[in-house]
N, C-alpha and C. Protein backbone atom coordinates (compact mmCIF):
# COMPACT_ATOMS: atom_id res chain seq x y z
N UNK A 1 160.40 -98.34 -12.45
CA UNK A 1 161.68 -98.86 -11.85
C UNK A 1 161.72 -98.93 -10.35
N UNK A 2 162.37 -99.77 -9.89
CA UNK A 2 162.42 -100.06 -8.52
C UNK A 2 163.77 -99.92 -7.89
N UNK A 3 164.83 -99.53 -8.68
CA UNK A 3 166.17 -99.36 -8.05
C UNK A 3 166.09 -98.48 -6.88
N UNK A 4 166.69 -99.00 -5.87
CA UNK A 4 166.65 -98.12 -4.55
C UNK A 4 165.59 -98.66 -3.64
N UNK A 5 164.58 -99.40 -4.16
CA UNK A 5 163.49 -99.83 -3.35
C UNK A 5 164.07 -100.89 -2.53
N UNK A 6 163.69 -101.02 -1.31
CA UNK A 6 164.22 -102.00 -0.35
C UNK A 6 163.15 -103.06 -0.01
N UNK A 7 162.25 -103.25 -0.79
CA UNK A 7 161.17 -104.20 -0.45
C UNK A 7 161.70 -105.55 -0.55
N UNK A 8 161.26 -106.58 0.16
CA UNK A 8 161.79 -107.88 0.13
C UNK A 8 161.91 -108.57 -1.22
N UNK A 9 160.93 -108.31 -2.00
CA UNK A 9 160.84 -108.94 -3.34
C UNK A 9 161.95 -108.56 -4.08
N UNK A 10 162.25 -107.14 -4.06
CA UNK A 10 163.32 -106.49 -4.72
C UNK A 10 164.68 -107.16 -4.45
N UNK A 11 164.92 -107.16 -3.02
CA UNK A 11 166.09 -107.52 -2.55
C UNK A 11 166.44 -109.05 -2.65
N UNK A 12 165.35 -109.84 -2.78
CA UNK A 12 165.57 -111.30 -2.88
C UNK A 12 165.55 -111.72 -4.27
N UNK A 13 165.45 -110.96 -5.27
CA UNK A 13 165.54 -111.56 -6.82
C UNK A 13 166.73 -111.99 -7.01
N UNK A 14 167.99 -111.40 -6.68
CA UNK A 14 169.23 -112.00 -6.96
C UNK A 14 169.44 -113.34 -6.30
N UNK A 15 169.39 -113.43 -4.89
CA UNK A 15 169.78 -114.70 -4.38
C UNK A 15 168.51 -115.69 -4.53
N UNK A 16 167.33 -115.22 -4.70
CA UNK A 16 166.27 -116.29 -4.75
C UNK A 16 165.79 -116.71 -6.11
N UNK A 17 166.17 -115.88 -7.19
CA UNK A 17 165.97 -116.32 -8.54
C UNK A 17 167.11 -116.64 -9.34
N UNK A 18 168.10 -115.58 -9.35
CA UNK A 18 169.29 -115.70 -10.20
C UNK A 18 170.27 -116.68 -9.69
N UNK A 19 170.64 -116.58 -8.39
CA UNK A 19 171.59 -117.66 -7.91
C UNK A 19 171.27 -119.07 -8.11
N UNK A 20 169.92 -119.49 -8.12
CA UNK A 20 169.64 -120.87 -8.33
C UNK A 20 169.84 -121.17 -9.73
N UNK A 21 169.65 -120.28 -10.70
CA UNK A 21 169.92 -120.42 -12.08
C UNK A 21 171.33 -120.55 -12.41
N UNK A 22 172.23 -119.74 -11.66
CA UNK A 22 173.64 -119.71 -11.89
C UNK A 22 174.12 -121.12 -11.39
N UNK A 23 173.58 -121.58 -10.28
CA UNK A 23 174.05 -122.77 -9.64
C UNK A 23 173.90 -123.98 -10.66
N UNK A 24 172.66 -124.01 -11.34
CA UNK A 24 172.53 -125.09 -12.44
C UNK A 24 173.60 -124.84 -13.54
N UNK A 25 173.77 -123.49 -13.83
CA UNK A 25 174.52 -123.24 -14.98
C UNK A 25 176.03 -123.53 -14.60
N UNK A 26 176.50 -123.41 -13.41
CA UNK A 26 177.84 -123.92 -13.03
C UNK A 26 178.09 -125.34 -13.39
N UNK A 27 177.14 -126.10 -13.30
CA UNK A 27 177.35 -127.62 -13.57
C UNK A 27 177.73 -127.81 -15.02
N UNK A 28 177.31 -126.81 -15.87
CA UNK A 28 177.65 -127.14 -17.30
C UNK A 28 178.83 -126.21 -17.77
N UNK A 29 179.01 -125.08 -17.07
CA UNK A 29 180.00 -124.00 -17.41
C UNK A 29 180.48 -123.32 -16.22
N UNK A 30 181.28 -123.63 -15.49
CA UNK A 30 181.59 -123.09 -14.23
C UNK A 30 182.06 -121.59 -14.46
N UNK A 31 182.95 -121.45 -15.41
CA UNK A 31 183.53 -120.02 -15.70
C UNK A 31 182.39 -119.00 -16.06
N UNK A 32 181.49 -119.49 -16.93
CA UNK A 32 180.41 -118.43 -17.22
C UNK A 32 179.61 -118.04 -16.03
N UNK A 33 179.22 -119.12 -15.31
CA UNK A 33 178.38 -118.98 -14.10
C UNK A 33 179.02 -117.99 -13.13
N UNK A 34 180.49 -118.30 -12.69
CA UNK A 34 181.17 -117.39 -11.95
C UNK A 34 181.17 -115.90 -12.46
N UNK A 35 181.45 -115.77 -13.84
CA UNK A 35 181.52 -114.52 -14.31
C UNK A 35 180.07 -113.64 -14.26
N UNK A 36 179.17 -114.41 -14.52
CA UNK A 36 177.64 -113.81 -14.22
C UNK A 36 177.37 -113.55 -12.85
N UNK A 37 177.83 -114.43 -12.04
CA UNK A 37 177.62 -114.24 -10.56
C UNK A 37 178.30 -112.93 -10.15
N UNK A 38 179.53 -112.82 -10.31
CA UNK A 38 180.26 -111.58 -10.13
C UNK A 38 179.77 -110.32 -10.59
N UNK A 39 179.35 -110.32 -11.93
CA UNK A 39 178.77 -109.25 -12.65
C UNK A 39 177.42 -108.75 -12.04
N UNK A 40 176.52 -109.72 -11.75
CA UNK A 40 175.28 -109.46 -11.05
C UNK A 40 175.56 -108.90 -9.62
N UNK A 41 176.33 -109.51 -8.83
CA UNK A 41 176.75 -109.00 -7.49
C UNK A 41 177.21 -107.50 -7.53
N UNK A 42 178.15 -107.31 -8.53
CA UNK A 42 178.65 -105.84 -8.70
C UNK A 42 177.50 -104.85 -9.01
N UNK A 43 176.82 -105.25 -10.07
CA UNK A 43 175.79 -104.26 -10.65
C UNK A 43 174.72 -104.05 -9.32
N UNK A 44 174.42 -105.12 -8.63
CA UNK A 44 173.43 -105.08 -7.72
C UNK A 44 173.90 -104.26 -6.52
N UNK A 45 175.28 -104.33 -6.12
CA UNK A 45 175.78 -103.58 -4.95
C UNK A 45 175.79 -101.99 -5.28
N UNK A 46 176.12 -101.64 -6.67
CA UNK A 46 176.04 -100.28 -7.14
C UNK A 46 174.75 -99.86 -7.34
N UNK A 47 173.84 -100.66 -7.82
CA UNK A 47 172.45 -100.20 -8.20
C UNK A 47 171.41 -101.25 -7.48
N UNK A 48 171.16 -101.13 -6.27
CA UNK A 48 170.18 -102.08 -5.68
C UNK A 48 168.80 -102.11 -6.43
N UNK A 49 168.25 -103.23 -6.66
CA UNK A 49 167.17 -103.41 -7.32
C UNK A 49 167.38 -103.60 -8.91
N UNK A 50 168.48 -103.60 -9.43
CA UNK A 50 168.76 -103.75 -10.81
C UNK A 50 168.20 -105.05 -11.26
N UNK A 51 168.59 -106.13 -10.50
CA UNK A 51 168.17 -107.52 -10.98
C UNK A 51 166.61 -107.59 -11.07
N UNK A 52 166.02 -107.21 -10.05
CA UNK A 52 164.51 -107.17 -9.96
C UNK A 52 164.02 -106.38 -11.39
N UNK A 53 164.53 -105.26 -11.52
CA UNK A 53 164.14 -104.36 -12.73
C UNK A 53 164.28 -105.16 -13.99
N UNK A 54 165.62 -105.81 -14.07
CA UNK A 54 165.89 -106.50 -15.31
C UNK A 54 164.87 -107.66 -15.53
N UNK A 55 164.61 -108.50 -14.40
CA UNK A 55 163.61 -109.55 -14.66
C UNK A 55 162.31 -109.16 -14.96
N UNK A 56 161.67 -108.16 -14.18
CA UNK A 56 160.35 -107.59 -14.48
C UNK A 56 160.39 -107.09 -15.86
N UNK A 57 161.40 -106.32 -16.33
CA UNK A 57 161.30 -105.83 -17.82
C UNK A 57 161.39 -106.75 -18.81
N UNK A 58 162.10 -107.93 -18.65
CA UNK A 58 162.15 -109.09 -19.61
C UNK A 58 160.67 -109.58 -19.58
N UNK A 59 160.10 -109.96 -18.55
CA UNK A 59 158.86 -110.65 -18.39
C UNK A 59 157.67 -109.72 -18.99
N UNK A 60 157.88 -108.36 -18.73
CA UNK A 60 156.99 -107.50 -19.32
C UNK A 60 156.92 -107.37 -20.99
N UNK A 61 158.17 -107.38 -21.37
CA UNK A 61 158.51 -107.19 -22.89
C UNK A 61 157.94 -108.60 -23.57
N UNK A 62 158.19 -109.67 -22.80
CA UNK A 62 157.62 -111.07 -23.21
C UNK A 62 156.09 -111.16 -23.08
N UNK A 63 155.42 -110.15 -22.48
CA UNK A 63 154.14 -110.14 -22.21
C UNK A 63 153.71 -111.35 -21.41
N UNK A 64 154.43 -111.66 -20.49
CA UNK A 64 154.32 -112.64 -19.42
C UNK A 64 153.70 -112.13 -18.16
N UNK A 65 152.48 -112.43 -17.75
CA UNK A 65 151.99 -111.77 -16.54
C UNK A 65 152.35 -112.60 -15.39
N UNK A 66 153.16 -111.91 -14.55
CA UNK A 66 153.84 -112.67 -13.31
C UNK A 66 153.66 -111.69 -12.19
N UNK A 67 153.19 -112.40 -11.07
CA UNK A 67 153.10 -111.62 -9.78
C UNK A 67 154.32 -112.00 -9.18
N UNK A 68 155.34 -111.02 -9.10
CA UNK A 68 156.65 -111.22 -8.36
C UNK A 68 156.62 -111.57 -6.98
N UNK A 69 155.77 -111.05 -6.34
CA UNK A 69 155.56 -111.36 -4.82
C UNK A 69 155.26 -112.68 -4.62
N UNK A 70 154.21 -113.13 -5.29
CA UNK A 70 153.65 -114.62 -5.23
C UNK A 70 154.81 -115.46 -5.70
N UNK A 71 155.44 -115.28 -6.71
CA UNK A 71 156.62 -116.20 -7.24
C UNK A 71 157.82 -116.16 -6.49
N UNK A 72 158.17 -115.20 -5.94
CA UNK A 72 159.34 -115.08 -5.08
C UNK A 72 159.02 -115.94 -3.76
N UNK A 73 157.85 -115.87 -3.18
CA UNK A 73 157.39 -116.52 -2.04
C UNK A 73 157.48 -118.10 -2.29
N UNK A 74 156.93 -118.37 -3.50
CA UNK A 74 157.03 -119.86 -4.02
C UNK A 74 158.46 -120.39 -4.05
N UNK A 75 159.13 -119.49 -4.76
CA UNK A 75 160.67 -120.01 -4.97
C UNK A 75 161.59 -120.08 -3.51
N UNK A 76 161.28 -119.27 -2.76
CA UNK A 76 162.09 -119.34 -1.47
C UNK A 76 161.82 -120.60 -0.67
N UNK A 77 160.59 -121.09 -0.98
CA UNK A 77 160.25 -122.36 -0.11
C UNK A 77 161.04 -123.67 -0.91
N UNK A 78 161.50 -123.52 -1.97
CA UNK A 78 162.19 -124.49 -2.61
C UNK A 78 163.77 -124.41 -2.69
N UNK A 79 164.14 -123.28 -2.33
CA UNK A 79 165.58 -123.03 -2.49
C UNK A 79 166.06 -122.38 -1.16
N UNK A 80 167.18 -122.86 -0.52
CA UNK A 80 167.57 -122.30 0.60
C UNK A 80 169.13 -121.61 0.26
N UNK A 81 168.95 -120.42 0.25
CA UNK A 81 170.45 -119.72 -0.06
C UNK A 81 171.35 -119.83 1.14
N UNK A 82 172.49 -120.32 1.04
CA UNK A 82 173.53 -120.32 2.00
C UNK A 82 173.90 -118.79 2.50
N UNK A 83 173.58 -117.81 1.57
CA UNK A 83 173.74 -116.46 2.04
C UNK A 83 172.95 -116.00 3.16
N UNK A 84 171.89 -116.64 3.63
CA UNK A 84 171.04 -116.38 4.62
C UNK A 84 170.97 -117.26 5.74
N UNK A 85 171.98 -118.08 5.85
CA UNK A 85 172.17 -119.14 6.88
C UNK A 85 173.20 -118.59 7.90
N UNK A 86 172.91 -118.86 9.11
CA UNK A 86 173.79 -118.56 10.22
C UNK A 86 174.85 -119.71 10.16
N UNK A 87 176.18 -119.33 10.09
CA UNK A 87 177.36 -120.06 9.93
C UNK A 87 178.02 -120.46 11.32
N UNK A 88 177.19 -120.76 12.33
CA UNK A 88 177.75 -121.19 13.69
C UNK A 88 177.40 -122.58 14.00
N UNK A 89 178.27 -123.20 14.72
CA UNK A 89 178.14 -124.57 14.90
C UNK A 89 177.31 -124.83 16.32
N UNK A 90 176.85 -123.77 17.13
CA UNK A 90 176.10 -124.09 18.29
C UNK A 90 174.74 -124.59 17.98
N UNK A 91 174.22 -125.48 18.90
CA UNK A 91 172.90 -126.09 18.56
C UNK A 91 171.86 -125.13 18.37
N UNK A 92 171.81 -123.96 19.24
CA UNK A 92 170.76 -123.03 18.87
C UNK A 92 170.71 -122.41 17.52
N UNK A 93 172.06 -122.27 16.96
CA UNK A 93 171.89 -121.56 15.60
C UNK A 93 171.61 -122.55 14.53
N UNK A 94 171.94 -123.90 14.77
CA UNK A 94 171.60 -124.97 13.81
C UNK A 94 169.92 -125.06 13.85
N UNK A 95 169.47 -125.09 15.05
CA UNK A 95 167.94 -125.03 15.20
C UNK A 95 167.38 -123.84 14.53
N UNK A 96 167.89 -122.73 14.81
CA UNK A 96 167.40 -121.54 13.96
C UNK A 96 167.32 -121.66 12.43
N UNK A 97 168.46 -122.28 12.02
CA UNK A 97 168.57 -122.46 10.58
C UNK A 97 167.43 -123.42 10.11
N UNK A 98 167.36 -124.53 10.89
CA UNK A 98 166.33 -125.51 10.50
C UNK A 98 164.79 -124.90 10.55
N UNK A 99 164.56 -124.17 11.75
CA UNK A 99 163.26 -123.47 11.88
C UNK A 99 162.90 -122.44 10.69
N UNK A 100 163.97 -121.79 10.32
CA UNK A 100 163.70 -120.70 9.37
C UNK A 100 163.40 -121.42 7.88
N UNK A 101 164.06 -122.50 7.65
CA UNK A 101 163.97 -123.25 6.36
C UNK A 101 162.55 -123.92 6.45
N UNK A 102 162.16 -124.31 7.51
CA UNK A 102 160.80 -124.90 7.70
C UNK A 102 159.68 -123.71 7.44
N UNK A 103 159.89 -122.64 8.05
CA UNK A 103 158.96 -121.44 8.03
C UNK A 103 158.87 -121.18 6.54
N UNK A 104 159.90 -120.90 5.72
CA UNK A 104 159.96 -120.64 4.33
C UNK A 104 159.21 -121.58 3.63
N UNK A 105 159.30 -122.87 3.78
CA UNK A 105 158.42 -124.03 3.08
C UNK A 105 157.09 -123.73 3.38
N UNK A 106 156.76 -123.61 4.70
CA UNK A 106 155.34 -123.18 4.96
C UNK A 106 154.75 -121.96 4.25
N UNK A 107 155.45 -120.86 4.44
CA UNK A 107 155.07 -119.63 3.78
C UNK A 107 154.93 -119.71 2.13
N UNK A 108 155.82 -120.52 1.58
CA UNK A 108 155.81 -120.73 0.23
C UNK A 108 154.39 -121.42 -0.36
N UNK A 109 153.64 -121.89 0.51
CA UNK A 109 152.39 -122.60 0.09
C UNK A 109 151.27 -121.50 0.16
N UNK A 110 151.52 -120.38 0.80
CA UNK A 110 150.45 -119.39 0.87
C UNK A 110 149.83 -118.85 -0.45
N UNK A 111 150.64 -118.65 -1.56
CA UNK A 111 150.03 -118.22 -2.80
C UNK A 111 149.00 -119.27 -3.41
N UNK A 112 149.28 -120.60 -3.13
CA UNK A 112 148.41 -121.64 -3.66
C UNK A 112 147.19 -121.78 -2.81
N UNK A 113 147.32 -121.62 -1.29
CA UNK A 113 146.27 -121.91 -0.51
C UNK A 113 145.51 -120.60 -0.30
N UNK A 114 145.72 -119.51 -0.61
CA UNK A 114 145.17 -118.36 -0.09
C UNK A 114 143.72 -118.16 -0.48
N UNK A 115 143.34 -118.83 -1.66
CA UNK A 115 141.96 -118.86 -2.09
C UNK A 115 141.07 -119.94 -1.34
N UNK A 116 141.64 -120.91 -0.74
CA UNK A 116 141.07 -121.86 0.07
C UNK A 116 140.96 -121.58 1.48
N UNK A 117 140.09 -120.92 1.88
CA UNK A 117 140.11 -120.37 3.33
C UNK A 117 140.47 -121.35 4.50
N UNK A 118 139.81 -122.53 4.41
CA UNK A 118 140.29 -123.63 5.36
C UNK A 118 141.86 -123.92 5.32
N UNK A 119 142.26 -124.20 4.22
CA UNK A 119 143.78 -124.61 4.09
C UNK A 119 144.67 -123.41 4.37
N UNK A 120 144.20 -122.23 3.90
CA UNK A 120 145.00 -121.08 4.42
C UNK A 120 145.01 -120.85 5.86
N UNK A 121 143.86 -120.97 6.57
CA UNK A 121 143.82 -120.74 7.93
C UNK A 121 144.77 -121.78 8.65
N UNK A 122 144.67 -123.08 8.15
CA UNK A 122 145.56 -124.10 8.65
C UNK A 122 147.10 -123.77 8.51
N UNK A 123 147.30 -123.30 7.36
CA UNK A 123 148.85 -122.93 7.04
C UNK A 123 149.32 -121.79 7.97
N UNK A 124 148.49 -120.74 8.24
CA UNK A 124 148.93 -119.69 9.01
C UNK A 124 148.84 -120.00 10.73
N UNK A 125 148.27 -121.15 11.08
CA UNK A 125 148.22 -121.47 12.30
C UNK A 125 149.60 -121.85 12.74
C-alpha cells in the first residue's frame, strides 16, 4: 500500500489518470462524472494515495503488468491538467505554462526512447 506516500506517481494518479477519464465521462453523463470527481477528491484528501492504490490493485487483480512510473510519464505528456497551470495573465506566466507543457511532452517520450541510446540522449539534451 502507498497511502501516505508522497512520490510524484502516487500524487499524479488522480489528476493524470482519473480526471481525464472523468472528463470523457462528463460528455455522456455530467452528473455521474461530477459525483465521481467529488468522491475521488474527498477520499484522496482524507487518504492520500488512495487512487493510486485503487488503480494498482485493480491492475494487479486483473493480472495486467503495468509500470506506473512509465505510464504516468507517458500520460502526462498527452494531458495538461488545469490544476497545475498558473492562472495569471502576465506574459512571464503564460510563457511558464507553455514551457512546462512542452517539457512534459518531451519527458513523456523517455519511456519509449530510453532503450535507444542515441534518441534518449537527444531527448535529454
